[in-house]
Amino acid sequence: MGATNPANAEEGTIRKKFAGSMSENAVHGSDGEETAAFEIGYWFAGYELI
């Protein structure tokens, strides 16, 4: 995925290739399972998850 700051991301990572800035970074990754479970709710309804 690459470093949050695309300027610091390694070549070939998604963020290095596609991110415009830290606020427009092309992908999101959570910092832990609990955070991910909460953030998934922003994008998916409970019935969509298995």
PDB file of N, CA and C in Angstrom:
ATOM      1  N   MET A   1       0.826  -1.185   0.000  1.00  0.00           N
ATOM      2  CA  MET A   1       0.000   0.000   0.000  1.00  0.00           C
ATOM      3  C   MET A   1       0.872   1.251   0.000  1.00  0.00           C
ATOM      4  N   GLY A   2       1.897   1.276   0.809  1.00  0.00           N
ATOM      5  CA  GLY A   2       2.807   2.413   0.828  1.00  0.00           C
ATOM      6  C   GLY A   2       2.603   3.329   2.016  1.00  0.00           C
ATOM      7  N   ALA A   3       3.578   4.150   2.277  1.00  0.00           N
ATOM      8  CA  ALA A   3       3.522   5.106   3.385  1.00  0.00           C
ATOM      9  C   ALA A   3       2.361   6.081   3.189  1.00  0.00           C
ATOM     10  N   THR A   4       1.808   6.582   4.294  1.00  0.00           N
ATOM     11  CA  THR A   4       0.675   7.512   4.227  1.00  0.00           C
ATOM     12  C   THR A   4       1.002   8.720   3.360  1.00  0.00           C
ATOM     13  N   ASN A   5       2.196   9.247   3.521  1.00  0.00           N
ATOM     14  CA  ASN A   5       2.639  10.372   2.695  1.00  0.00           C
ATOM     15  C   ASN A   5       3.199   9.801   1.389  1.00  0.00           C
ATOM     16  N   PRO A   6       2.541  10.047   0.267  1.00  0.00           N
ATOM     17  CA  PRO A   6       3.016   9.479  -0.991  1.00  0.00           C
ATOM     18  C   PRO A   6       4.438   9.896  -1.362  1.00  0.00           C
ATOM     19  N   ALA A   7       4.893  11.022  -0.847  1.00  0.00           N
ATOM     20  CA  ALA A   7       6.268  11.457  -1.110  1.00  0.00           C
ATOM     21  C   ALA A   7       7.270  10.510  -0.462  1.00  0.00           C
ATOM     22  N   ASN A   8       6.836   9.810   0.609  1.00  0.00           N
ATOM     23  CA  ASN A   8       7.709   8.880   1.315  1.00  0.00           C
ATOM     24  C   ASN A   8       7.450   7.421   0.953  1.00  0.00           C
ATOM     25  N   ALA A   9       6.464   7.179   0.117  1.00  0.00           N
ATOM     26  CA  ALA A   9       6.104   5.803  -0.248  1.00  0.00           C
ATOM     27  C   ALA A   9       7.141   5.206  -1.192  1.00  0.00           C
ATOM     28  N   GLU A  10       7.328   3.903  -1.071  1.00  0.00           N
ATOM     29  CA  GLU A  10       8.286   3.216  -1.941  1.00  0.00           C
ATOM     30  C   GLU A  10       7.743   3.108  -3.359  1.00  0.00           C
ATOM     31  N   GLU A  11       8.639   3.084  -4.321  1.00  0.00           N
ATOM     32  CA  GLU A  11       8.267   2.917  -5.730  1.00  0.00           C
ATOM     33  C   GLU A  11       7.450   1.637  -5.897  1.00  0.00           C
ATOM     34  N   GLY A  12       6.433   1.707  -6.735  1.00  0.00           N
ATOM     35  CA  GLY A  12       5.617   0.544  -7.029  1.00  0.00           C
ATOM     36  C   GLY A  12       4.422   0.359  -6.107  1.00  0.00           C
ATOM     37  N   THR A  13       4.351   1.129  -5.008  1.00  0.00           N
ATOM     38  CA  THR A  13       3.200   0.996  -4.111  1.00  0.00           C
ATOM     39  C   THR A  13       2.017   1.779  -4.673  1.00  0.00           C
ATOM     40  N   ILE A  14       0.825   1.433  -4.200  1.00  0.00           N
ATOM     41  CA  ILE A  14      -0.391   2.101  -4.666  1.00  0.00           C
ATOM     42  C   ILE A  14      -0.313   3.605  -4.411  1.00  0.00           C
ATOM     43  N   ARG A  15       0.130   3.969  -3.234  1.00  0.00           N
ATOM     44  CA  ARG A  15       0.176   5.399  -2.914  1.00  0.00           C
ATOM     45  C   ARG A  15       1.221   6.136  -3.740  1.00  0.00           C
ATOM     46  N   LYS A  16       2.345   5.529  -4.006  1.00  0.00           N
ATOM     47  CA  LYS A  16       3.367   6.196  -4.827  1.00  0.00           C
ATOM     48  C   LYS A  16       2.845   6.406  -6.240  1.00  0.00           C
ATOM     49  N   LYS A  17       2.138   5.398  -6.760  1.00  0.00           N
ATOM     50  CA  LYS A  17       1.635   5.466  -8.130  1.00  0.00           C
ATOM     51  C   LYS A  17       0.429   6.396  -8.286  1.00  0.00           C
ATOM     52  N   PHE A  18      -0.494   6.379  -7.310  1.00  0.00           N
ATOM     53  CA  PHE A  18      -1.788   7.010  -7.540  1.00  0.00           C
ATOM     54  C   PHE A  18      -2.168   8.143  -6.589  1.00  0.00           C
ATOM     55  N   ALA A  19      -1.485   8.322  -5.482  1.00  0.00           N
ATOM     56  CA  ALA A  19      -1.883   9.349  -4.521  1.00  0.00           C
ATOM     57  C   ALA A  19      -1.442  10.732  -4.967  1.00  0.00           C
ATOM     58  N   GLY A  20      -2.306  11.704  -4.699  1.00  0.00           N
ATOM     59  CA  GLY A  20      -1.970  13.078  -5.026  1.00  0.00           C
ATOM     60  C   GLY A  20      -1.378  13.825  -3.847  1.00  0.00           C
ATOM     61  N   SER A  21      -1.767  13.417  -2.640  1.00  0.00           N
ATOM     62  CA  SER A  21      -1.297  14.059  -1.417  1.00  0.00           C
ATOM     63  C   SER A  21      -1.692  13.169  -0.247  1.00  0.00           C
ATOM     64  N   MET A  22      -1.370  13.591   0.971  1.00  0.00           N
ATOM     65  CA  MET A  22      -1.763  12.799   2.143  1.00  0.00           C
ATOM     66  C   MET A  22      -3.278  12.755   2.296  1.00  0.00           C
ATOM     67  N   SER A  23      -3.971  13.821   1.922  1.00  0.00           N
ATOM     68  CA  SER A  23      -5.430  13.838   2.051  1.00  0.00           C
ATOM     69  C   SER A  23      -6.127  13.202   0.844  1.00  0.00           C
ATOM     70  N   GLU A  24      -5.408  13.008  -0.223  1.00  0.00           N
ATOM     71  CA  GLU A  24      -5.932  12.343  -1.423  1.00  0.00           C
ATOM     72  C   GLU A  24      -5.014  11.169  -1.732  1.00  0.00           C
ATOM     73  N   ASN A  25      -5.029  10.169  -0.802  1.00  0.00           N
ATOM     74  CA  ASN A  25      -3.999   9.148  -0.891  1.00  0.00           C
ATOM     75  C   ASN A  25      -4.413   7.835  -1.555  1.00  0.00           C
ATOM     76  N   ALA A  26      -5.529   7.797  -2.257  1.00  0.00           N
ATOM     77  CA  ALA A  26      -5.941   6.674  -3.112  1.00  0.00           C
ATOM     78  C   ALA A  26      -6.457   5.450  -2.365  1.00  0.00           C
ATOM     79  N   VAL A  27      -5.942   5.149  -1.188  1.00  0.00           N
ATOM     80  CA  VAL A  27      -6.396   3.991  -0.409  1.00  0.00           C
ATOM     81  C   VAL A  27      -6.404   4.342   1.072  1.00  0.00           C
ATOM     82  N   HIS A  28      -7.100   3.512   1.838  1.00  0.00           N
ATOM     83  CA  HIS A  28      -7.122   3.719   3.288  1.00  0.00           C
ATOM     84  C   HIS A  28      -6.794   2.406   3.966  1.00  0.00           C
ATOM     85  N   GLY A  29      -6.018   2.480   5.002  1.00  0.00           N
ATOM     86  CA  GLY A  29      -5.731   1.321   5.829  1.00  0.00           C
ATOM     87  C   GLY A  29      -5.923   1.688   7.293  1.00  0.00           C
ATOM     88  N   SER A  30      -6.614   0.853   8.021  1.00  0.00           N
ATOM     89  CA  SER A  30      -6.841   1.088   9.444  1.00  0.00           C
ATOM     90  C   SER A  30      -5.612   0.675  10.239  1.00  0.00           C
ATOM     91  N   ASP A  31      -5.479   1.238  11.432  1.00  0.00           N
ATOM     92  CA  ASP A  31      -4.321   0.937  12.269  1.00  0.00           C
ATOM     93  C   ASP A  31      -4.527  -0.260  13.185  1.00  0.00           C
ATOM     94  N   GLY A  32      -5.692  -0.878  13.131  1.00  0.00           N
ATOM     95  CA  GLY A  32      -5.944  -2.054  13.959  1.00  0.00           C
ATOM     96  C   GLY A  32      -7.309  -2.653  13.651  1.00  0.00           C
ATOM     97  N   GLU A  33      -7.556  -3.832  14.190  1.00  0.00           N
ATOM     98  CA  GLU A  33      -8.809  -4.532  13.908  1.00  0.00           C
ATOM     99  C   GLU A  33     -10.028  -3.779  14.436  1.00  0.00           C
ATOM    100  N   GLU A  34      -9.933  -3.217  15.637  1.00  0.00           N
ATOM    101  CA  GLU A  34     -11.074  -2.486  16.195  1.00  0.00           C
ATOM    102  C   GLU A  34     -11.379  -1.237  15.375  1.00  0.00           C
ATOM    103  N   THR A  35     -10.350  -0.518  14.981  1.00  0.00           N
ATOM    104  CA  THR A  35     -10.536   0.663  14.152  1.00  0.00           C
ATOM    105  C   THR A  35     -11.143   0.275  12.813  1.00  0.00           C
ATOM    106  N   ALA A  36     -10.647  -0.802  12.219  1.00  0.00           N
ATOM    107  CA  ALA A  36     -11.169  -1.275  10.937  1.00  0.00           C
ATOM    108  C   ALA A  36     -12.643  -1.628  11.046  1.00  0.00           C
ATOM    109  N   ALA A  37     -13.021  -2.336  12.096  1.00  0.00           N
ATOM    110  CA  ALA A  37     -14.424  -2.724  12.276  1.00  0.00           C
ATOM    111  C   ALA A  37     -15.321  -1.489  12.343  1.00  0.00           C
ATOM    112  N   PHE A  38     -14.873  -0.452  13.021  1.00  0.00           N
ATOM    113  CA  PHE A  38     -15.637   0.792  13.102  1.00  0.00           C
ATOM    114  C   PHE A  38     -15.699   1.485  11.742  1.00  0.00           C
ATOM    115  N   GLU A  39     -14.564   1.609  11.069  1.00  0.00           N
ATOM    116  CA  GLU A  39     -14.495   2.337   9.800  1.00  0.00           C
ATOM    117  C   GLU A  39     -15.234   1.631   8.672  1.00  0.00           C
ATOM    118  N   ILE A  40     -15.288   0.328   8.698  1.00  0.00           N
ATOM    119  CA  ILE A  40     -16.018  -0.435   7.674  1.00  0.00           C
ATOM    120  C   ILE A  40     -17.479  -0.006   7.652  1.00  0.00           C
ATOM    121  N   GLY A  41     -18.017   0.353   8.818  1.00  0.00           N
ATOM    122  CA  GLY A  41     -19.399   0.809   8.907  1.00  0.00           C
ATOM    123  C   GLY A  41     -19.691   2.075   8.116  1.00  0.00           C
ATOM    124  N   TYR A  42     -18.671   2.856   7.800  1.00  0.00           N
ATOM    125  CA  TYR A  42     -18.866   4.046   6.964  1.00  0.00           C
ATOM    126  C   TYR A  42     -19.258   3.661   5.535  1.00  0.00           C
ATOM    127  N   TRP A  43     -18.799   2.522   5.069  1.00  0.00           N
ATOM    128  CA  TRP A  43     -18.924   2.155   3.663  1.00  0.00           C
ATOM    129  C   TRP A  43     -19.851   0.981   3.387  1.00  0.00           C
ATOM    130  N   PHE A  44     -20.050   0.104   4.373  1.00  0.00           N
ATOM    131  CA  PHE A  44     -20.829  -1.104   4.139  1.00  0.00           C
ATOM    132  C   PHE A  44     -21.891  -1.282   5.204  1.00  0.00           C
ATOM    133  N   ALA A  45     -23.077  -1.746   4.783  1.00  0.00           N
ATOM    134  CA  ALA A  45     -24.135  -2.093   5.724  1.00  0.00           C
ATOM    135  C   ALA A  45     -23.811  -3.457   6.314  1.00  0.00           C
ATOM    136  N   GLY A  46     -24.253  -3.713   7.536  1.00  0.00           N
ATOM    137  CA  GLY A  46     -23.967  -4.980   8.206  1.00  0.00           C
ATOM    138  C   GLY A  46     -24.321  -6.201   7.383  1.00  0.00           C
ATOM    139  N   TYR A  47     -25.443  -6.137   6.643  1.00  0.00           N
ATOM    140  CA  TYR A  47     -25.855  -7.309   5.847  1.00  0.00           C
ATOM    141  C   TYR A  47     -24.917  -7.592   4.677  1.00  0.00           C
ATOM    142  N   GLU A  48     -24.064  -6.637   4.318  1.00  0.00           N
ATOM    143  CA  GLU A  48     -23.125  -6.849   3.219  1.00  0.00           C
ATOM    144  C   GLU A  48     -21.858  -7.569   3.643  1.00  0.00           C
ATOM    145  N   LEU A  49     -21.668  -7.734   4.940  1.00  0.00           N
ATOM    146  CA  LEU A  49     -20.451  -8.361   5.463  1.00  0.00           C
ATOM    147  C   LEU A  49     -20.681  -9.822   5.769  1.00  0.00           C
ATOM    148  N   ILE A  50     -19.654 -10.617   5.543  1.00  0.00           N
ATOM    149  CA  ILE A  50     -19.736 -12.042   5.904  1.00  0.00           C
ATOM    150  C   ILE A  50     -18.697 -12.389   6.926  1.00  0.00           C
TER     151      ILE A  50
END
